[in-house]
Protein backbone atom coordinates (compact mmCIF):
# COMPACT_ATOMS: atom_id res chain seq x y z
CA UNK A 1 157.38 133.73 11.70
CA UNK A 2 159.10 133.24 8.35
CA UNK A 3 161.44 130.95 7.50
CA UNK A 4 164.81 131.08 9.29
CA UNK A 5 163.13 133.23 12.07
CA UNK A 6 162.91 130.47 14.37
CA UNK A 7 166.37 129.41 14.21
CA UNK A 8 167.47 132.90 14.83
CA UNK A 9 165.62 133.18 17.67
CA UNK A 10 166.50 130.01 19.02
CA UNK A 11 170.09 131.16 18.88
CA UNK A 12 169.23 134.52 20.43
CA UNK A 13 167.67 132.87 23.19
CA UNK A 14 170.81 130.70 23.93
CA UNK A 15 172.91 134.00 23.79
CA UNK A 16 170.68 135.88 25.86
CA UNK A 17 170.60 132.74 28.74
CA UNK A 18 174.38 133.01 28.43
CA UNK A 19 174.41 136.54 29.21
CA UNK A 20 172.27 136.13 31.96
CA UNK A 21 174.46 133.18 33.31
CA UNK A 22 177.26 135.49 33.13
CA UNK A 23 175.63 138.19 35.18
CA UNK A 24 174.42 135.59 37.72
CA UNK A 25 178.29 134.59 37.97
CA UNK A 26 178.76 138.36 39.37
CA UNK A 27 175.92 138.14 41.75
CA UNK A 28 173.39 140.15 39.78
CA UNK A 29 170.21 138.92 40.61
CA UNK A 30 167.87 141.62 39.30
CA UNK A 31 167.19 143.07 35.83
CA UNK A 32 165.44 146.07 34.42
CA UNK A 33 164.13 145.60 30.99
CA UNK A 34 163.49 148.05 28.52
CA UNK A 35 161.74 147.53 25.06
CA UNK A 36 162.41 150.47 22.18
CA UNK A 37 161.26 151.01 18.66
CA UNK A 38 163.35 150.92 15.71
CA UNK A 39 163.39 155.07 16.38
CA UNK A 40 164.77 154.29 19.54
CA UNK A 41 161.58 155.52 21.44
CA UNK A 42 160.85 153.66 24.59
CA UNK A 43 157.88 151.33 24.13
CA UNK A 44 158.31 149.46 27.54
CA UNK A 45 160.04 149.29 30.93
CA UNK A 46 160.07 146.72 33.77
CA UNK A 47 162.14 147.05 36.89
CA UNK A 48 164.04 144.64 39.13
CA UNK A 49 162.94 141.26 37.26
CA UNK A 50 164.65 138.22 38.38
CA UNK A 51 167.27 136.69 36.38
CA UNK A 52 164.59 133.48 36.64
CA UNK A 53 161.76 135.18 35.62
CA UNK A 54 163.61 137.01 32.81
CA UNK A 55 165.05 133.41 31.68
CA UNK A 56 161.68 131.88 31.55
CA UNK A 57 160.17 134.62 29.54
CA UNK A 58 163.13 135.24 27.32
CA UNK A 59 161.76 132.93 24.29
CA UNK A 60 158.65 134.90 24.16
CA UNK A 61 160.06 138.39 24.88
CA UNK A 62 162.43 137.84 21.72
CA UNK A 63 159.69 136.56 19.59
CA UNK A 64 157.62 139.39 20.26
CA UNK A 65 160.25 142.00 19.62
CA UNK A 66 161.05 140.53 16.42
CA UNK A 67 157.24 140.50 15.43
CA UNK A 68 156.97 144.37 16.56
CA UNK A 69 160.53 145.16 15.11
CA UNK A 70 161.64 146.29 18.64
CA UNK A 71 164.67 146.04 20.76
CA UNK A 72 165.52 144.73 24.11
CA UNK A 73 167.75 146.20 26.67
CA UNK A 74 168.75 144.43 29.70
CA UNK A 75 170.38 145.97 32.41
CA UNK A 76 171.80 144.18 35.42
CA UNK A 77 171.04 145.81 38.83
CA UNK A 78 172.39 145.27 42.34
CA UNK A 79 175.55 143.00 41.59
CA UNK A 80 178.66 142.75 43.53
CA UNK A 81 180.68 144.69 40.81
CA UNK A 82 180.02 148.08 39.05
CA UNK A 83 179.15 147.46 35.39
CA UNK A 84 179.56 149.77 32.66
CA UNK A 85 177.89 149.59 29.35
CA UNK A 86 180.46 150.14 26.67
CA UNK A 87 178.20 151.15 23.76
CA UNK A 88 177.31 154.14 25.70
CA UNK A 89 180.63 155.79 25.87
CA UNK A 90 181.90 158.71 23.38
CA UNK A 91 184.86 158.30 21.07
CA UNK A 92 187.08 160.29 23.61
CA UNK A 93 186.54 158.47 26.33
CA UNK A 94 186.83 155.01 24.75
CA UNK A 95 190.34 156.03 23.39
CA UNK A 96 191.28 156.77 26.94
CA UNK A 97 190.06 153.26 28.34
CA UNK A 98 191.69 151.51 25.52
């Protein structure tokens, strides 16, 4: 790990834990985890991880993703509300929502 990466990883872990806590407040209890490479190709997938398991594994997951230059995509499952991933919307739909 290069200088500065440890601090960035720690900040990323804290942010990821905050995200998981927010989802937990919406009664989300399981998550799908997808790993993609820099070209967007899927490199891994894990279905229905518990929030507790994902929280515990997050430091190692982020370290590995940084080392392999991969992305982690965490998708909530089975909450009491419907969640929409806004970055997947096209420009025309975004304008209608705003």
